[in-house]
Amino acid sequence: MSTEQIPGKSRHTSQEGRTTVPADRALAVLRVTTGLVFLWAFVDKAFGLGYSTASERAWFNGGSPTKGFLGQVAVGPLESTFHGWAGAWWADLLFMLGLLAIGVALVLGVGLRVAAASTTLMMLMMWAAEWPPAQHTSAGEPSGSSNPLIDYHVVYAVAAVVLACTAAGDTWGLGRVWAKLPLVHHTRWLR
């Protein structure tokens, strides 16, 4: 596959010379929808819109976005570590900033390499908190895990990496403009 730029054409072309505009657009849709998942999680936890976070437990009302999730970790080798982090101001701040930054980066199509690394780290931590390999919790109850390895955390991490590797921010995003900024142009990992 060639990555040659042809005015008015996709940056990806097949070996037969056909452009893969549909693939670029599909990746752009994946990028925006994945970004909106992270932005929605941020907004709901920040303002307590009543979906996964009740109004009285909103971050801006003094609630802790990590207390409920990490405080209820019931399985895995990091169970006690996550309980210790639950509700800590720094854990709340890092989690919320991560949700916001990842969501904004994906929706706008900028900083996709940093977003991919951040998404992978966040999803790895959340995967470890749910610990899908376990069939039972520490109390002996069913864990609810449906797959011991691959769950939605892994899918989000892989999606973010694919989006960064394919420069998915260039289609329907600000990726090309972002790439031309002097700092980004000279520091490729910011791409």
Protein backbone atom coordinates (compact mmCIF):
# COMPACT_ATOMS: atom_id res chain seq x y z
CA MET A 1 0.00 0.00 0.00
CA SER A 2 1.40 3.39 -0.96
CA THR A 3 1.12 6.42 1.29
CA GLU A 4 1.81 8.87 -1.51
CA GLN A 5 -0.25 12.06 -1.41
CA ILE A 6 -2.23 12.72 -4.57
CA PRO A 7 -4.36 15.87 -4.57
CA GLY A 8 -8.00 14.92 -4.12
CA LYS A 9 -7.14 11.28 -3.44
CA SER A 10 -6.87 9.16 -0.33
CA ARG A 11 -3.43 8.78 1.25
CA HIS A 12 -3.92 5.00 0.97
CA THR A 13 -4.00 3.31 -2.41
CA SER A 14 -4.30 -0.36 -3.19
CA GLN A 15 -1.73 -2.19 -5.29
CA GLU A 16 -4.15 -1.89 -8.19
CA GLY A 17 -3.98 1.89 -7.83
CA ARG A 18 -7.52 2.24 -6.47
CA THR A 19 -7.92 4.63 -3.58
CA THR A 20 -9.32 3.41 -0.32
CA VAL A 21 -11.44 6.42 0.50
CA PRO A 22 -14.10 4.19 2.09
CA ALA A 23 -11.46 2.75 4.43
CA ASP A 24 -10.26 6.23 5.40
CA ARG A 25 -13.83 7.27 6.10
CA ALA A 26 -14.56 4.12 8.09
CA LEU A 27 -11.48 4.78 10.22
CA ALA A 28 -12.64 8.38 10.73
CA VAL A 29 -16.04 7.13 11.92
CA LEU A 30 -14.31 4.66 14.26
CA ARG A 31 -12.10 7.49 15.57
CA VAL A 32 -14.97 9.88 16.26
CA THR A 33 -17.28 7.27 17.80
CA THR A 34 -14.52 5.91 20.03
CA GLY A 35 -13.66 9.46 21.08
CA LEU A 36 -17.30 10.13 21.91
CA VAL A 37 -17.33 7.06 24.20
CA PHE A 38 -14.53 8.63 26.24
CA LEU A 39 -16.06 12.12 26.16
CA TRP A 40 -19.44 10.77 27.26
CA ALA A 41 -17.83 8.95 30.18
CA PHE A 42 -16.11 12.19 31.19
CA VAL A 43 -19.28 14.31 30.94
CA ASP A 44 -21.48 11.80 32.79
CA LYS A 45 -18.96 11.36 35.62
CA ALA A 46 -18.24 15.11 35.81
CA PHE A 47 -21.86 16.30 35.85
CA GLY A 48 -23.82 13.24 36.98
CA LEU A 49 -26.30 13.02 34.13
CA GLY A 50 -27.97 10.00 35.70
CA TYR A 51 -26.65 7.28 33.42
CA SER A 52 -23.71 5.61 35.16
CA THR A 53 -23.34 8.52 37.61
CA ALA A 54 -26.14 9.99 39.70
CA SER A 55 -26.22 13.77 40.06
CA GLU A 56 -25.27 13.69 43.73
CA ARG A 57 -22.18 11.57 42.91
CA ALA A 58 -20.93 13.88 40.12
CA TRP A 59 -17.28 14.88 40.25
CA PHE A 60 -18.22 18.57 40.22
CA ASN A 61 -20.53 17.91 43.19
CA GLY A 62 -17.67 16.43 45.22
CA GLY A 63 -18.14 12.83 44.13
CA SER A 64 -15.30 10.50 43.24
CA PRO A 65 -15.27 8.90 39.79
CA THR A 66 -12.82 6.21 40.97
CA LYS A 67 -14.34 5.34 44.34
CA GLY A 68 -17.21 3.24 43.03
CA PHE A 69 -15.28 1.38 40.34
CA LEU A 70 -12.00 0.78 42.16
CA GLY A 71 -13.66 0.38 45.55
CA GLN A 72 -15.72 -2.53 44.25
CA VAL A 73 -12.84 -4.43 42.66
CA ALA A 74 -13.43 -7.95 43.94
CA VAL A 75 -10.83 -10.04 42.16
CA GLY A 76 -7.29 -10.07 40.82
CA PRO A 77 -3.74 -9.60 42.05
CA LEU A 78 -4.14 -5.81 42.31
CA GLU A 79 -7.40 -5.87 44.29
CA SER A 80 -5.94 -4.30 47.45
CA THR A 81 -3.92 -1.78 45.42
CA PHE A 82 -7.03 -0.61 43.58
CA HIS A 83 -8.94 -0.38 46.87
CA GLY A 84 -6.18 1.89 48.18
CA TRP A 85 -6.44 4.12 45.11
CA ALA A 86 -10.25 4.31 45.19
CA GLY A 87 -11.37 7.87 45.87
CA ALA A 88 -7.85 9.33 46.03
CA TRP A 89 -7.80 12.88 44.64
CA TRP A 90 -4.89 12.10 42.31
CA ALA A 91 -6.60 8.96 40.94
CA ASP A 92 -9.79 10.95 40.29
CA LEU A 93 -7.85 13.76 38.60
CA LEU A 94 -5.74 11.46 36.40
CA PHE A 95 -8.77 9.37 35.42
CA MET A 96 -10.92 12.36 34.50
CA LEU A 97 -8.11 14.16 32.65
CA GLY A 98 -7.40 10.92 30.80
CA LEU A 99 -11.02 10.49 29.72
CA LEU A 100 -11.21 14.11 28.56
CA ALA A 101 -7.84 14.20 26.77
CA ILE A 102 -8.35 10.87 25.01
CA GLY A 103 -11.87 11.84 23.96
CA VAL A 104 -10.84 15.25 22.61
CA ALA A 105 -7.77 13.86 20.81
CA LEU A 106 -9.78 11.13 19.10
CA VAL A 107 -12.72 13.33 18.13
CA LEU A 108 -10.44 16.05 16.72
CA GLY A 109 -7.93 13.62 15.22
CA VAL A 110 -4.88 15.17 16.88
CA GLY A 111 -2.17 13.65 19.03
CA LEU A 112 -3.31 10.16 18.09
CA ARG A 113 -0.02 8.51 19.05
CA VAL A 114 -0.15 9.96 22.56
CA ALA A 115 -3.87 9.14 22.72
CA ALA A 116 -3.15 5.54 21.69
CA ALA A 117 -0.53 5.12 24.41
CA SER A 118 -2.81 6.77 26.99
CA THR A 119 -5.82 4.70 25.95
CA THR A 120 -3.78 1.51 26.13
CA LEU A 121 -2.51 2.35 29.63
CA MET A 122 -5.97 3.32 30.90
CA MET A 123 -7.61 0.25 29.39
CA LEU A 124 -4.88 -2.02 30.77
CA MET A 125 -5.51 -0.65 34.26
CA MET A 126 -9.27 -1.04 33.90
CA TRP A 127 -8.84 -4.55 32.49
CA ALA A 128 -6.68 -5.43 35.51
CA ALA A 129 -9.33 -3.97 37.84
CA GLU A 130 -12.04 -6.20 36.34
CA TRP A 131 -9.58 -9.11 35.95
CA PRO A 132 -11.38 -11.11 33.26
CA PRO A 133 -9.25 -14.27 33.73
CA ALA A 134 -11.02 -14.96 37.04
CA GLN A 135 -14.24 -16.94 37.00
CA HIS A 136 -14.96 -16.10 40.64
CA THR A 137 -14.44 -13.10 42.91
CA SER A 138 -12.43 -13.21 46.13
CA ALA A 139 -15.72 -13.94 47.93
CA GLY A 140 -16.40 -16.96 45.70
CA GLU A 141 -19.18 -15.32 43.69
CA PRO A 142 -19.24 -15.57 39.87
CA SER A 143 -17.11 -12.76 38.43
CA GLY A 144 -19.34 -12.19 35.41
CA SER A 145 -16.38 -12.46 33.05
CA SER A 146 -17.42 -13.75 29.64
CA ASN A 147 -13.93 -13.97 28.11
CA PRO A 148 -10.70 -14.47 30.06
CA LEU A 149 -8.56 -12.36 27.73
CA ILE A 150 -10.36 -10.17 25.24
CA ASP A 151 -12.99 -7.74 26.47
CA TYR A 152 -14.03 -4.22 25.54
CA HIS A 153 -10.95 -2.71 27.22
CA VAL A 154 -8.70 -4.60 24.82
CA VAL A 155 -10.88 -3.62 21.85
CA TYR A 156 -10.69 0.10 22.74
CA ALA A 157 -6.90 -0.10 23.16
CA VAL A 158 -6.45 -1.89 19.83
CA ALA A 159 -8.79 0.58 18.11
CA ALA A 160 -6.76 3.54 19.42
CA VAL A 161 -3.50 1.98 18.22
CA VAL A 162 -4.97 1.25 14.76
CA LEU A 163 -6.24 4.83 14.51
CA ALA A 164 -2.80 6.21 15.35
CA CYS A 165 -0.99 3.85 12.96
CA THR A 166 -3.25 4.79 10.06
CA ALA A 167 -3.21 8.56 10.65
CA ALA A 168 -6.99 8.39 10.95
CA GLY A 169 -7.09 12.03 12.07
CA ASP A 170 -6.32 13.15 8.53
CA THR A 171 -9.83 12.28 7.33
CA TRP A 172 -12.61 14.41 8.82
CA GLY A 173 -10.23 15.61 11.52
CA LEU A 174 -7.48 18.11 12.21
CA GLY A 175 -4.65 15.60 11.77
CA ARG A 176 -3.03 17.25 8.76
CA VAL A 177 -3.16 20.71 10.33
CA TRP A 178 -1.82 19.27 13.60
CA ALA A 179 1.05 17.53 11.77
CA LYS A 180 2.17 20.85 10.25
CA LEU A 181 2.63 22.55 13.62
CA PRO A 182 6.38 23.08 14.14
CA LEU A 183 6.54 21.20 17.45
CA VAL A 184 4.57 18.24 16.07
CA HIS A 185 6.48 18.24 12.78
CA HIS A 186 9.80 17.96 14.64
CA THR A 187 8.51 15.64 17.38
CA ARG A 188 6.88 12.79 15.46
CA TRP A 189 5.51 10.98 18.51
CA LEU A 190 3.13 13.93 19.03
CA ARG A 191 1.53 13.13 15.67
